[in-house]
Every structure is written in structure tokens, then in C-alpha cells.
Amino acid sequence: TEPGYSLGLVDDVRWQRLQEKQRAIAAEQARLSQLLVRPQDEAGTRIAKLSGNVMSREQKAIEILARPEIDYQTLVSMPGLGPAVADEQVAEQVEIQTSYSGYIKRQGDEIEKARRNEETGLPETLDYRQVSGLSSEVIEKLNRHKPATIGQASRISGVTPAAVSLLLVHLKRHRNLKKTA
């Protein structure tokens, strides 16, 4: 909807509905983030029975919703955690976004790490034979192409993610040696 709106393909009424839905989702996520469930509370006891795991510490309701055995309707039906939002689509999005938030964060972290490594320079004088663990094939390809950055090296056919990791370890080790020398 957002790209469609920016291109003039989505009318103002639909855009407003989307904005309201996004605000409602954010508000419910914020509400669940502020509610604490303690192990000794009735809600804590019920969650322990449903999940089969005793709560060892107090948790935010949103953290409990991230558990695979607890869905939104079950969570908000517990004492002190309701009422549920009226809009089923909002409830569904809160549940989906919470369930996948850990995976999304992990992927975001991996993307950021790859982005940082993308521009990491490789010295022109780097002797790839000195990089411990690289296969002969990878050494030959890196010497032939002479990549200027880790990003370029990672796009050479046959240079595996493991080989890129070895290059990064080698660079880090040698930078640390230069700092101490």
C-alpha cells in the first residue's frame, strides 16, 4: 500500500485505514510491552500450565506472546492482560510480528554485519597463501581476480562464506598484530 500511495495508485481513504491500523498495532504492542506477568500471578500459573515450563522470572506480556504455544487470544484472555483489541486484523498482526520479531532481528543483524564487511578493504599485497585454511582453488581465484574488498571477494564464484570468514579472521589478526608491534 505504501509504494502504491506514493505513486498515486492508492486513494486517501485506503491510506488512512492503513495508517489507523498501523497505529493500532503499535499501540497494542506498546501496551503488551508494559504489562508484566509474574510467576506467582494467576496469569503466570496458567502460562506455565500451557507451555509446560515454569516461569523463572517476571516477563513482559509481549515476550510471552513470542512463545510458540501462546497465541494472542489466549494471552489476552488471562487475568490482567486483556482486553483484546476489537480489530481481528490488528490482533493477527500483533501476533505475527511478535512471533517473527526474533528472526527478523537476527536477519537484520546479519545484513548489517554483511554491510559492514562489504567495504572492508583487502590489501593489494595480501598473499592469500598465508591465509590459513583457504583451499587451493580459492587461493588461485583470489590471486587471479585480486578483489579490493571483502564484498568483491564474496562475489567471486567458488569463494565460499567460510573462505570469506577466514579472510576476515586473517585481516583482524594481522591488524591486531600491527597495533601491538
N, C-alpha and C. Protein backbone atom coordinates (compact mmCIF):
# COMPACT_ATOMS: atom_id res chain seq x y z
N THR A 1 0.82 -1.20 0.00
CA THR A 1 0.00 0.00 0.00
C THR A 1 0.86 1.26 0.00
N GLU A 2 1.94 1.24 0.78
CA GLU A 2 2.77 2.45 0.87
C GLU A 2 3.37 2.85 -0.47
N PRO A 3 4.01 1.91 -1.21
CA PRO A 3 4.52 2.32 -2.53
C PRO A 3 3.38 2.75 -3.48
N GLY A 4 2.25 2.06 -3.40
CA GLY A 4 1.10 2.41 -4.23
C GLY A 4 0.61 3.81 -3.94
N TYR A 5 0.61 4.19 -2.66
CA TYR A 5 0.17 5.53 -2.29
C TYR A 5 1.13 6.58 -2.82
N SER A 6 2.44 6.31 -2.69
CA SER A 6 3.43 7.29 -3.18
C SER A 6 3.38 7.46 -4.69
N LEU A 7 2.87 6.43 -5.40
CA LEU A 7 2.73 6.52 -6.86
C LEU A 7 1.35 7.04 -7.28
N GLY A 8 0.50 7.32 -6.30
CA GLY A 8 -0.84 7.82 -6.60
C GLY A 8 -1.84 6.74 -6.97
N LEU A 9 -1.53 5.49 -6.67
CA LEU A 9 -2.41 4.38 -7.04
C LEU A 9 -3.38 3.99 -5.92
N VAL A 10 -3.14 4.51 -4.71
CA VAL A 10 -3.98 4.20 -3.56
C VAL A 10 -4.67 5.48 -3.12
N ASP A 11 -5.99 5.41 -2.94
CA ASP A 11 -6.72 6.63 -2.56
C ASP A 11 -6.52 6.96 -1.08
N ASP A 12 -6.92 8.17 -0.70
CA ASP A 12 -6.71 8.67 0.66
C ASP A 12 -7.46 7.86 1.71
N VAL A 13 -8.63 7.35 1.36
CA VAL A 13 -9.42 6.58 2.32
C VAL A 13 -8.67 5.30 2.71
N ARG A 14 -8.17 4.58 1.72
CA ARG A 14 -7.42 3.35 2.00
C ARG A 14 -6.13 3.67 2.76
N TRP A 15 -5.48 4.75 2.39
CA TRP A 15 -4.26 5.16 3.07
C TRP A 15 -4.53 5.45 4.54
N GLN A 16 -5.62 6.14 4.83
CA GLN A 16 -5.98 6.46 6.21
C GLN A 16 -6.25 5.19 7.01
N ARG A 17 -6.94 4.22 6.37
CA ARG A 17 -7.21 2.95 7.06
C ARG A 17 -5.91 2.24 7.42
N LEU A 18 -4.96 2.26 6.49
CA LEU A 18 -3.67 1.64 6.76
C LEU A 18 -2.97 2.35 7.92
N GLN A 19 -2.98 3.66 7.90
CA GLN A 19 -2.34 4.43 8.97
C GLN A 19 -2.98 4.12 10.33
N GLU A 20 -4.30 4.04 10.36
CA GLU A 20 -5.01 3.72 11.61
C GLU A 20 -4.65 2.31 12.09
N LYS A 21 -4.58 1.38 11.17
CA LYS A 21 -4.24 0.00 11.53
C LYS A 21 -2.82 -0.06 12.09
N GLN A 22 -1.88 0.64 11.46
CA GLN A 22 -0.50 0.65 11.94
C GLN A 22 -0.41 1.28 13.33
N ARG A 23 -1.17 2.35 13.55
CA ARG A 23 -1.18 2.98 14.89
C ARG A 23 -1.76 2.02 15.93
N ALA A 24 -2.82 1.31 15.57
CA ALA A 24 -3.45 0.35 16.49
C ALA A 24 -2.50 -0.79 16.82
N ILE A 25 -1.77 -1.28 15.84
CA ILE A 25 -0.80 -2.36 16.06
C ILE A 25 0.29 -1.87 17.01
N ALA A 26 0.82 -0.69 16.74
CA ALA A 26 1.89 -0.13 17.59
C ALA A 26 1.39 0.10 19.02
N ALA A 27 0.16 0.57 19.14
CA ALA A 27 -0.40 0.82 20.48
C ALA A 27 -0.56 -0.48 21.26
N GLU A 28 -1.04 -1.54 20.61
CA GLU A 28 -1.21 -2.82 21.30
C GLU A 28 0.14 -3.43 21.65
N GLN A 29 1.12 -3.30 20.77
CA GLN A 29 2.46 -3.80 21.08
C GLN A 29 3.04 -3.04 22.28
N ALA A 30 2.82 -1.74 22.32
CA ALA A 30 3.31 -0.93 23.44
C ALA A 30 2.61 -1.33 24.74
N ARG A 31 1.30 -1.57 24.66
CA ARG A 31 0.54 -1.98 25.85
C ARG A 31 1.07 -3.31 26.38
N LEU A 32 1.26 -4.29 25.49
CA LEU A 32 1.76 -5.59 25.92
C LEU A 32 3.20 -5.52 26.42
N SER A 33 3.96 -4.55 25.93
CA SER A 33 5.34 -4.37 26.39
C SER A 33 5.40 -3.81 27.80
N GLN A 34 4.34 -3.17 28.23
CA GLN A 34 4.32 -2.56 29.57
C GLN A 34 3.72 -3.49 30.63
N LEU A 35 2.97 -4.50 30.20
CA LEU A 35 2.34 -5.41 31.15
C LEU A 35 3.33 -6.48 31.60
N LEU A 36 3.48 -6.62 32.90
CA LEU A 36 4.39 -7.63 33.45
C LEU A 36 3.59 -8.81 33.98
N VAL A 37 4.08 -10.00 33.70
CA VAL A 37 3.48 -11.23 34.22
C VAL A 37 4.49 -11.84 35.18
N ARG A 38 4.05 -12.06 36.40
CA ARG A 38 4.93 -12.64 37.42
C ARG A 38 4.61 -14.13 37.57
N PRO A 39 5.62 -14.92 37.88
CA PRO A 39 5.40 -16.37 38.00
C PRO A 39 4.31 -16.75 39.00
N GLN A 40 4.19 -15.98 40.08
CA GLN A 40 3.22 -16.30 41.11
C GLN A 40 1.80 -15.79 40.81
N ASP A 41 1.64 -14.94 39.80
CA ASP A 41 0.32 -14.44 39.41
C ASP A 41 -0.51 -15.56 38.80
N GLU A 42 -1.84 -15.35 38.75
CA GLU A 42 -2.72 -16.33 38.11
C GLU A 42 -2.34 -16.51 36.64
N ALA A 43 -2.04 -15.41 35.97
CA ALA A 43 -1.65 -15.49 34.55
C ALA A 43 -0.35 -16.28 34.42
N GLY A 44 0.60 -16.05 35.31
CA GLY A 44 1.87 -16.77 35.28
C GLY A 44 1.68 -18.26 35.47
N THR A 45 0.79 -18.62 36.38
CA THR A 45 0.49 -20.04 36.62
C THR A 45 -0.15 -20.68 35.40
N ARG A 46 -1.11 -19.97 34.78
CA ARG A 46 -1.77 -20.51 33.59
C ARG A 46 -0.80 -20.66 32.42
N ILE A 47 0.09 -19.70 32.26
CA ILE A 47 1.08 -19.76 31.18
C ILE A 47 2.00 -20.95 31.40
N ALA A 48 2.40 -21.18 32.65
CA ALA A 48 3.25 -22.33 32.96
C ALA A 48 2.54 -23.64 32.60
N LYS A 49 1.24 -23.73 32.88
CA LYS A 49 0.49 -24.94 32.54
C LYS A 49 0.40 -25.11 31.03
N LEU A 50 0.13 -24.03 30.31
CA LEU A 50 0.01 -24.11 28.85
C LEU A 50 1.32 -24.46 28.17
N SER A 51 2.39 -23.87 28.65
CA SER A 51 3.68 -24.06 27.98
C SER A 51 4.44 -25.27 28.49
N GLY A 52 4.11 -25.72 29.69
CA GLY A 52 4.85 -26.83 30.27
C GLY A 52 6.15 -26.39 30.91
N ASN A 53 6.37 -25.08 30.94
CA ASN A 53 7.59 -24.52 31.54
C ASN A 53 7.21 -23.56 32.66
N VAL A 54 7.81 -23.73 33.82
CA VAL A 54 7.58 -22.82 34.93
C VAL A 54 8.30 -21.51 34.63
N MET A 55 7.61 -20.41 34.85
CA MET A 55 8.25 -19.10 34.66
C MET A 55 9.25 -18.88 35.79
N SER A 56 10.49 -18.58 35.46
CA SER A 56 11.52 -18.38 36.47
C SER A 56 11.64 -16.92 36.90
N ARG A 57 11.11 -16.04 36.09
CA ARG A 57 11.20 -14.60 36.39
C ARG A 57 10.01 -13.90 35.76
N GLU A 58 9.79 -12.66 36.17
CA GLU A 58 8.71 -11.91 35.55
C GLU A 58 9.09 -11.57 34.12
N GLN A 59 8.06 -11.54 33.27
CA GLN A 59 8.28 -11.24 31.86
C GLN A 59 7.22 -10.28 31.37
N LYS A 60 7.58 -9.56 30.33
CA LYS A 60 6.61 -8.70 29.66
C LYS A 60 5.65 -9.59 28.88
N ALA A 61 4.40 -9.15 28.78
CA ALA A 61 3.39 -9.93 28.06
C ALA A 61 3.81 -10.15 26.61
N ILE A 62 4.46 -9.17 26.00
CA ILE A 62 4.88 -9.30 24.60
C ILE A 62 5.91 -10.42 24.44
N GLU A 63 6.77 -10.62 25.47
CA GLU A 63 7.75 -11.70 25.42
C GLU A 63 7.05 -13.06 25.51
N ILE A 64 6.00 -13.12 26.29
CA ILE A 64 5.24 -14.37 26.41
C ILE A 64 4.52 -14.68 25.10
N LEU A 65 4.03 -13.65 24.43
CA LEU A 65 3.36 -13.84 23.15
C LEU A 65 4.31 -14.42 22.10
N ALA A 66 5.60 -14.19 22.25
CA ALA A 66 6.58 -14.71 21.30
C ALA A 66 6.74 -16.23 21.42
N ARG A 67 6.26 -16.80 22.51
CA ARG A 67 6.34 -18.27 22.67
C ARG A 67 5.40 -18.93 21.68
N PRO A 68 5.84 -20.03 21.07
CA PRO A 68 5.01 -20.68 20.06
C PRO A 68 3.70 -21.27 20.60
N GLU A 69 3.67 -21.63 21.87
CA GLU A 69 2.47 -22.27 22.40
C GLU A 69 1.42 -21.28 22.92
N ILE A 70 1.73 -19.99 22.87
CA ILE A 70 0.80 -18.96 23.36
C ILE A 70 0.38 -18.08 22.18
N ASP A 71 -0.92 -18.03 21.92
CA ASP A 71 -1.40 -17.12 20.87
C ASP A 71 -2.01 -15.87 21.51
N TYR A 72 -2.31 -14.90 20.68
CA TYR A 72 -2.79 -13.61 21.17
C TYR A 72 -4.07 -13.76 21.98
N GLN A 73 -5.05 -14.49 21.46
CA GLN A 73 -6.34 -14.62 22.15
C GLN A 73 -6.18 -15.30 23.50
N THR A 74 -5.33 -16.31 23.57
CA THR A 74 -5.08 -16.98 24.85
C THR A 74 -4.43 -16.01 25.83
N LEU A 75 -3.46 -15.26 25.36
CA LEU A 75 -2.75 -14.32 26.23
C LEU A 75 -3.68 -13.28 26.81
N VAL A 76 -4.46 -12.62 25.96
CA VAL A 76 -5.30 -11.53 26.45
C VAL A 76 -6.53 -12.02 27.22
N SER A 77 -6.79 -13.33 27.20
CA SER A 77 -7.90 -13.85 27.99
C SER A 77 -7.49 -14.09 29.45
N MET A 78 -6.21 -13.96 29.73
CA MET A 78 -5.72 -14.19 31.09
C MET A 78 -5.94 -12.95 31.96
N PRO A 79 -6.14 -13.17 33.25
CA PRO A 79 -6.39 -12.05 34.17
C PRO A 79 -5.29 -10.99 34.11
N GLY A 80 -5.70 -9.76 33.93
CA GLY A 80 -4.78 -8.63 33.92
C GLY A 80 -4.12 -8.36 32.58
N LEU A 81 -4.40 -9.18 31.56
CA LEU A 81 -3.73 -8.99 30.28
C LEU A 81 -4.67 -8.55 29.17
N GLY A 82 -5.95 -8.51 29.43
CA GLY A 82 -6.92 -8.08 28.43
C GLY A 82 -7.25 -6.63 28.62
N PRO A 83 -8.17 -6.14 27.87
CA PRO A 83 -8.95 -6.82 26.84
C PRO A 83 -8.20 -6.87 25.51
N ALA A 84 -8.67 -7.76 24.65
CA ALA A 84 -8.11 -7.87 23.31
C ALA A 84 -8.54 -6.66 22.48
N VAL A 85 -7.78 -6.36 21.46
CA VAL A 85 -8.20 -5.31 20.53
C VAL A 85 -9.40 -5.81 19.75
N ALA A 86 -10.27 -4.91 19.35
CA ALA A 86 -11.50 -5.30 18.66
C ALA A 86 -11.24 -5.77 17.23
N ASP A 87 -10.28 -5.17 16.57
CA ASP A 87 -10.00 -5.48 15.17
C ASP A 87 -9.17 -6.77 15.07
N GLU A 88 -9.73 -7.80 14.46
CA GLU A 88 -9.05 -9.09 14.34
C GLU A 88 -7.77 -8.99 13.52
N GLN A 89 -7.76 -8.11 12.51
CA GLN A 89 -6.56 -7.95 11.69
C GLN A 89 -5.42 -7.34 12.51
N VAL A 90 -5.74 -6.43 13.39
CA VAL A 90 -4.73 -5.83 14.26
C VAL A 90 -4.18 -6.91 15.19
N ALA A 91 -5.07 -7.69 15.80
CA ALA A 91 -4.65 -8.77 16.70
C ALA A 91 -3.74 -9.75 15.96
N GLU A 92 -4.13 -10.10 14.74
CA GLU A 92 -3.34 -11.04 13.94
C GLU A 92 -1.95 -10.48 13.66
N GLN A 93 -1.87 -9.20 13.30
CA GLN A 93 -0.57 -8.59 13.01
C GLN A 93 0.30 -8.50 14.24
N VAL A 94 -0.29 -8.19 15.39
CA VAL A 94 0.48 -8.14 16.63
C VAL A 94 1.08 -9.52 16.90
N GLU A 95 0.28 -10.56 16.73
CA GLU A 95 0.76 -11.92 16.96
C GLU A 95 1.86 -12.30 15.97
N ILE A 96 1.65 -12.02 14.70
CA ILE A 96 2.63 -12.37 13.66
C ILE A 96 3.94 -11.61 13.87
N GLN A 97 3.84 -10.31 14.06
CA GLN A 97 5.05 -9.51 14.22
C GLN A 97 5.83 -9.92 15.47
N THR A 98 5.12 -10.26 16.53
CA THR A 98 5.80 -10.68 17.75
C THR A 98 6.45 -12.05 17.56
N SER A 99 5.73 -12.96 16.91
CA SER A 99 6.25 -14.30 16.70
C SER A 99 7.52 -14.30 15.87
N TYR A 100 7.59 -13.44 14.89
CA TYR A 100 8.73 -13.42 13.98
C TYR A 100 9.78 -12.36 14.31
N SER A 101 9.56 -11.58 15.36
CA SER A 101 10.47 -10.47 15.67
C SER A 101 11.90 -10.94 15.92
N GLY A 102 12.06 -12.08 16.60
CA GLY A 102 13.41 -12.59 16.85
C GLY A 102 14.13 -12.95 15.58
N TYR A 103 13.42 -13.61 14.66
CA TYR A 103 14.02 -13.99 13.37
C TYR A 103 14.36 -12.74 12.56
N ILE A 104 13.46 -11.79 12.56
CA ILE A 104 13.68 -10.56 11.79
C ILE A 104 14.87 -9.80 12.35
N LYS A 105 14.98 -9.73 13.67
CA LYS A 105 16.11 -9.03 14.28
C LYS A 105 17.42 -9.73 13.92
N ARG A 106 17.42 -11.07 14.00
CA ARG A 106 18.63 -11.82 13.67
C ARG A 106 19.03 -11.60 12.22
N GLN A 107 18.05 -11.61 11.31
CA GLN A 107 18.34 -11.36 9.90
C GLN A 107 18.87 -9.94 9.70
N GLY A 108 18.27 -8.99 10.40
CA GLY A 108 18.74 -7.60 10.32
C GLY A 108 20.17 -7.47 10.79
N ASP A 109 20.51 -8.18 11.87
CA ASP A 109 21.87 -8.15 12.39
C ASP A 109 22.85 -8.75 11.37
N GLU A 110 22.43 -9.85 10.72
CA GLU A 110 23.29 -10.48 9.72
C GLU A 110 23.48 -9.56 8.50
N ILE A 111 22.42 -8.88 8.11
CA ILE A 111 22.51 -7.94 6.99
C ILE A 111 23.46 -6.80 7.34
N GLU A 112 23.34 -6.28 8.56
CA GLU A 112 24.21 -5.19 8.99
C GLU A 112 25.66 -5.64 9.04
N LYS A 113 25.90 -6.85 9.52
CA LYS A 113 27.26 -7.39 9.57
C LYS A 113 27.82 -7.53 8.16
N ALA A 114 27.01 -8.05 7.24
CA ALA A 114 27.45 -8.20 5.85
C ALA A 114 27.73 -6.83 5.24
N ARG A 115 26.89 -5.84 5.55
CA ARG A 115 27.08 -4.49 5.03
C ARG A 115 28.40 -3.90 5.53
N ARG A 116 28.69 -4.11 6.81
CA ARG A 116 29.96 -3.60 7.37
C ARG A 116 31.15 -4.28 6.70
N ASN A 117 31.04 -5.60 6.49
CA ASN A 117 32.14 -6.34 5.89
C ASN A 117 32.30 -6.07 4.40
N GLU A 118 31.21 -5.68 3.75
CA GLU A 118 31.21 -5.42 2.31
C GLU A 118 32.34 -4.48 1.89
N GLU A 119 32.55 -3.43 2.66
CA GLU A 119 33.53 -2.40 2.30
C GLU A 119 34.90 -2.62 2.94
N THR A 120 35.05 -3.69 3.70
CA THR A 120 36.34 -3.97 4.32
C THR A 120 37.38 -4.20 3.22
N GLY A 121 38.41 -3.40 3.26
CA GLY A 121 39.44 -3.47 2.21
C GLY A 121 40.38 -4.65 2.37
N LEU A 122 40.82 -5.15 1.23
CA LEU A 122 41.85 -6.19 1.19
C LEU A 122 43.13 -5.56 0.66
N PRO A 123 44.21 -5.68 1.39
CA PRO A 123 45.46 -5.07 0.92
C PRO A 123 45.88 -5.67 -0.43
N GLU A 124 46.41 -4.81 -1.31
CA GLU A 124 46.87 -5.28 -2.62
C GLU A 124 47.98 -6.31 -2.48
N THR A 125 48.73 -6.19 -1.41
CA THR A 125 49.89 -7.06 -1.21
C THR A 125 49.55 -8.36 -0.47
N LEU A 126 48.29 -8.57 -0.18
CA LEU A 126 47.88 -9.75 0.58
C LEU A 126 48.24 -11.03 -0.17
N ASP A 127 48.99 -11.87 0.50
CA ASP A 127 49.35 -13.17 -0.06
C ASP A 127 48.33 -14.17 0.47
N TYR A 128 47.41 -14.57 -0.39
CA TYR A 128 46.31 -15.44 0.03
C TYR A 128 46.80 -16.81 0.49
N ARG A 129 48.02 -17.19 0.10
CA ARG A 129 48.58 -18.47 0.56
C ARG A 129 48.86 -18.43 2.06
N GLN A 130 48.99 -17.22 2.61
CA GLN A 130 49.25 -17.06 4.04
C GLN A 130 47.98 -17.11 4.89
N VAL A 131 46.83 -17.13 4.21
CA VAL A 131 45.55 -17.18 4.93
C VAL A 131 45.27 -18.64 5.25
N SER A 132 45.42 -18.97 6.49
CA SER A 132 45.28 -20.35 6.95
C SER A 132 43.86 -20.88 6.70
N GLY A 133 43.79 -22.06 6.06
CA GLY A 133 42.51 -22.72 5.86
C GLY A 133 41.89 -22.55 4.48
N LEU A 134 42.40 -21.65 3.66
CA LEU A 134 41.84 -21.46 2.32
C LEU A 134 42.24 -22.63 1.42
N SER A 135 41.31 -23.07 0.61
CA SER A 135 41.60 -24.14 -0.34
C SER A 135 42.47 -23.60 -1.48
N SER A 136 43.15 -24.49 -2.17
CA SER A 136 43.99 -24.10 -3.31
C SER A 136 43.16 -23.41 -4.37
N GLU A 137 41.95 -23.90 -4.60
CA GLU A 137 41.06 -23.30 -5.60
C GLU A 137 40.72 -21.86 -5.24
N VAL A 138 40.38 -21.62 -3.99
CA VAL A 138 40.03 -20.26 -3.55
C VAL A 138 41.24 -19.35 -3.64
N ILE A 139 42.40 -19.83 -3.22
CA ILE A 139 43.63 -19.04 -3.30
C ILE A 139 43.89 -18.63 -4.75
N GLU A 140 43.76 -19.59 -5.66
CA GLU A 140 44.01 -19.32 -7.09
C GLU A 140 43.02 -18.27 -7.61
N LYS A 141 41.75 -18.39 -7.26
CA LYS A 141 40.73 -17.44 -7.75
C LYS A 141 40.96 -16.05 -7.17
N LEU A 142 41.30 -15.97 -5.90
CA LEU A 142 41.54 -14.67 -5.28
C LEU A 142 42.78 -14.02 -5.89
N ASN A 143 43.83 -14.78 -6.15
CA ASN A 143 45.04 -14.24 -6.77
C ASN A 143 44.76 -13.78 -8.20
N ARG A 144 43.90 -14.51 -8.90
CA ARG A 144 43.57 -14.14 -10.28
C ARG A 144 42.74 -12.85 -10.32
N HIS A 145 41.76 -12.73 -9.46
CA HIS A 145 40.84 -11.58 -9.50
C HIS A 145 41.32 -10.37 -8.70
N LYS A 146 42.16 -10.59 -7.72
CA LYS A 146 42.68 -9.51 -6.86
C LYS A 146 41.56 -8.56 -6.38
N PRO A 147 40.59 -9.08 -5.60
CA PRO A 147 39.50 -8.22 -5.13
C PRO A 147 40.02 -7.13 -4.20
N ALA A 148 39.39 -5.96 -4.27
CA ALA A 148 39.81 -4.84 -3.44
C ALA A 148 39.11 -4.85 -2.08
N THR A 149 37.95 -5.51 -2.00
CA THR A 149 37.18 -5.54 -0.76
C THR A 149 36.67 -6.96 -0.48
N ILE A 150 36.24 -7.16 0.73
CA ILE A 150 35.62 -8.44 1.11
C ILE A 150 34.37 -8.68 0.27
N GLY A 151 33.61 -7.62 0.00
CA GLY A 151 32.40 -7.74 -0.81
C GLY A 151 32.71 -8.28 -2.20
N GLN A 152 33.75 -7.75 -2.81
CA GLN A 152 34.15 -8.24 -4.14
C GLN A 152 34.60 -9.69 -4.06
N ALA A 153 35.35 -10.03 -3.03
CA ALA A 153 35.82 -11.41 -2.87
C ALA A 153 34.65 -12.37 -2.71
N SER A 154 33.63 -11.95 -1.97
CA SER A 154 32.50 -12.84 -1.72
C SER A 154 31.67 -13.12 -2.97
N ARG A 155 31.81 -12.27 -3.98
CA ARG A 155 31.05 -12.46 -5.22
C ARG A 155 31.82 -13.25 -6.28
N ILE A 156 33.01 -13.66 -5.97
CA ILE A 156 33.78 -14.49 -6.91
C ILE A 156 33.25 -15.92 -6.82
N SER A 157 32.94 -16.48 -7.96
CA SER A 157 32.42 -17.85 -8.00
C SER A 157 33.41 -18.80 -7.34
N GLY A 158 32.91 -19.61 -6.40
CA GLY A 158 33.76 -20.58 -5.73
C GLY A 158 34.32 -20.10 -4.41
N VAL A 159 34.21 -18.79 -4.13
CA VAL A 159 34.67 -18.28 -2.84
C VAL A 159 33.49 -18.42 -1.88
N THR A 160 33.62 -19.34 -0.95
CA THR A 160 32.54 -19.69 -0.05
C THR A 160 32.42 -18.71 1.12
N PRO A 161 31.28 -18.70 1.80
CA PRO A 161 31.17 -17.88 3.01
C PRO A 161 32.23 -18.26 4.06
N ALA A 162 32.59 -19.53 4.11
CA ALA A 162 33.63 -19.95 5.05
C ALA A 162 34.98 -19.32 4.67
N ALA A 163 35.26 -19.24 3.38
CA ALA A 163 36.51 -18.61 2.93
C ALA A 163 36.51 -17.12 3.27
N VAL A 164 35.37 -16.48 3.11
CA VAL A 164 35.26 -15.05 3.45
C VAL A 164 35.51 -14.87 4.95
N SER A 165 34.96 -15.77 5.77
CA SER A 165 35.20 -15.70 7.22
C SER A 165 36.68 -15.86 7.54
N LEU A 166 37.34 -16.77 6.84
CA LEU A 166 38.78 -16.95 7.05
C LEU A 166 39.56 -15.68 6.68
N LEU A 167 39.14 -15.03 5.60
CA LEU A 167 39.78 -13.76 5.21
C LEU A 167 39.59 -12.70 6.30
N LEU A 168 38.38 -12.60 6.83
CA LEU A 168 38.11 -11.61 7.88
C LEU A 168 38.92 -11.88 9.13
N VAL A 169 39.02 -13.15 9.51
CA VAL A 169 39.82 -13.51 10.69
C VAL A 169 41.29 -13.16 10.44
N HIS A 170 41.78 -13.47 9.26
CA HIS A 170 43.17 -13.17 8.90
C HIS A 170 43.42 -11.65 8.99
N LEU A 171 42.52 -10.88 8.40
CA LEU A 171 42.69 -9.42 8.42
C LEU A 171 42.68 -8.89 9.85
N LYS A 172 41.74 -9.37 10.65
CA LYS A 172 41.63 -8.90 12.03
C LYS A 172 42.89 -9.27 12.82
N ARG A 173 43.36 -10.48 12.64
CA ARG A 173 44.55 -10.94 13.36
C ARG A 173 45.75 -10.08 12.98
N HIS A 174 45.90 -9.78 11.69
CA HIS A 174 47.06 -9.01 11.27
C HIS A 174 46.95 -7.55 11.64
N ARG A 175 45.75 -7.02 11.70
CA ARG A 175 45.58 -5.64 12.18
C ARG A 175 45.92 -5.54 13.65
N ASN A 176 45.52 -6.55 14.42
CA ASN A 176 45.85 -6.56 15.85
C ASN A 176 47.35 -6.71 16.06
N LEU A 177 48.03 -7.50 15.23
CA LEU A 177 49.48 -7.65 15.34
C LEU A 177 50.18 -6.32 15.07
N LYS A 178 49.68 -5.58 14.07
CA LYS A 178 50.29 -4.29 13.74
C LYS A 178 50.11 -3.29 14.88
N LYS A 179 48.97 -3.35 15.57
CA LYS A 179 48.70 -2.42 16.68
C LYS A 179 49.64 -2.70 17.85
N THR A 180 49.95 -3.96 18.10
CA THR A 180 50.80 -4.30 19.23
C THR A 180 52.28 -4.14 18.90
N ALA A 181 52.62 -4.10 17.64
CA ALA A 181 54.04 -4.00 17.24
C ALA A 181 54.57 -2.61 17.37
